[in-house]
Amino acid sequence: MQALPIFLKLKGKRVVVVGGGTPAARKAEMALRSGAIVDVYCRELGEDFRSIADNPNLRHARPVEAADMDGATLVWCATEDDTVDRRAHALAKAAGVTVNVADRPELCDFTMASILDRSPLVVAIGTEGASPILGRMLKARLETEIPAGYGRLAAFVGERREALEHATKSSAERRRFWERLLEGPIAEMVLAGQDGAAASAFDAEIATLDMGGKATHQGEVYLVGAGPGDPDLLTFRALRLMQRADVVLYDRLVSDEIINLVRRDAERIFVGKQRNNHAVPQDEISQMLVDLAKQGKRVLRIKGGDPFIFGRGGEEIELLAENNVPFQVVPGVTAASGCSAYAGIPLTHRDHAQACLFVTAHGKDGQIDTDWEAVLRPNQTVAIYMGLALLDSLMKAFIARGADPHTPAAVVDNGTRANQRVVTGTIATLAEKASAAALRGPTIIIVGSVVSLHDKLDWFTGRKAASVAQKSE
C-alpha cells in the first residue's frame, strides 16, 4: 500500500477549487457535501455548477493568485489546462497546502476514491491513481450489493449505541447483540423503511437485556417475486433477502438459475403447483410459513412473476398478519410485462393500444370467469395468465362474444428464458398453432394489434441467435 486511506473531516474548513468546468464542479460538489466552505477560482463557472450555484458555502472569484492558498485545508486543480494546473499546483505547494491535480498522479499529494455514499456509511475505493476507471467499475458493482437503506441502518445503530451500553456492561454481549441485530429482522425492518416497528422491536430487545435475559430470535417471512425467469430481472432487495433466508419455499415457476442464487446452506422446500396437481395445497403452504417463522427462522417464499398479480401472495400474508408474524413483500417483474418485452410485443403503443388488461383464465373454481365486456373494449391489449390448457376455448369465447377473428394474438412460452418461444397468429388460428408447437409453459397469452409488431421488434431471438453463432465459431 503506497497511500493511506483516510476520511478527512472538512465541515467548516476552507477548500480551494481551481477551474470552472465539469471536473472542477464535481470536486466542488463533493466538498460541499462534506460541509466545507468552497472557494472556486476561475474566470466564469460552467453549466455543471448550476445545481450548486446557490449553495451558501460556495464562493466564486477571479483566476487564482498566490494569496488565495493561505488557510486552505486542501486544493483541487482541475482546469483541464496543463499550464494553469501546474501553476496552481506550484502556488499550493509554496503555501504548504495538500494538493490534487486532476489526471496528473505525479502532482498529487492525495488521490480521490470512487465513493459509494450511504451516509453515514461511506465506502471508498482507491487505485492509488493507477486506474480510476477500474475504481468506478468496482463501485458500480457495490451499488448492487449495498442498497441505499444501509445508510439508514448505520444511523439507526449509531443512535442506539448508548442505550445498549446502559443495558449491558459486557463488550462481548454487546458485540453479539449487534451481530444478531444486523443479521436479523430488526435490520430488515430498517432496510424496508419500517423505522417505527424497528424502534419498538429494539426497545423490546433492550428491555429483555435489562431484566437479565437474552435477546430472542424472531422469525420473519420474505414474500419475493422472482420475475418470469431471467435472473437478471431480480430486484436488488430480492437478491439480498435470498442470501439471508434460513429456509426457502419455491414452486415450478421459479427457474433453477434463480434458485441457485439462494443462500447455499438454506433449507429448500418444493411446494410446486400445476393445474389440477397441487403438490402442497395452498392452505398448507400458508400455515407452513407461519410455523417456520414462529420457530425463529427467516423464511423466503419465492414466487414466479409478482406475488400480488395472480400469485396468491395476498392469501399467504393474510394468515401471517392474523398470526402477528413479521413479513415484507418484494415485487417482481410480472409475466405480462417481462414476457411481452422479451417477445418484442409492447403492451401499449400509441398506434395500437392505449390500455392493457391483465386477466386470469382460471376463476376460483377453476373455470373461466371473465368480464367479457371489459375484455373486448377497443384499443386495448389483453394479457391472459394461466391460459394454455384453455387456449382453444378461450379463443372461441373471444369470437363468440363478437371479437374480430383476425385480431392478432400470441403465446409466449417460457418468456425471458433461454428456451423462450413465441407463437403468433390470430384469435382464430392461435390455438391450432400453439398445439402444433407443443408448448409446455409457463406461458402468457397476448391479444391485440400490438402483436403485429413482434416480427419488427423481436430483439431477444436475434440476440440468442448471435450468441449461438459466437459459441460455434
Foldseek 3Di string as FASTA:
>chain_A
DPDDDDDDQAAAAEEEEEAADDVSLVVVVVSVVSNHQYEYEDCDHDPSCVVVPPPPSYHYDYHDDLVVLPRHQEYEYEHPDVVSSVVVLVSNVVNVHQYDYPPCLVSHPDDAFDWDDLPVDIDTHDDSSPDNPVRVVVSVVVCLVDDSLVNQVVVVCVVCPVLLCVLDVDPVLVVVVVVLCCLADLSVCSSVVVPVVSVVLVVVQSVCSNVVHHGDQFFEEEEEECEQEPNVQGHSVVLVLQARFQEEEEEPRYDPVNNVSGHPNHHYDYQYDDVVRGSHDPVVVLVVRQVCRRVNGHYYYYYYAFCVQPNCVVVSVVSVVVVVHHYDYHGGHHCVRQQCLLLQQDQADPVWAPEEAEEECQDPVGHGDDPVVVVPDGRGKYKYFPCLVVLLVVLVVCVVVPHDQQWKKKKWFSGPDLPIDIDIGGSNCRNVRCVVVVGDDPIMMMTTNSNVRRVVRNPNVVVSVVVVVVVVD
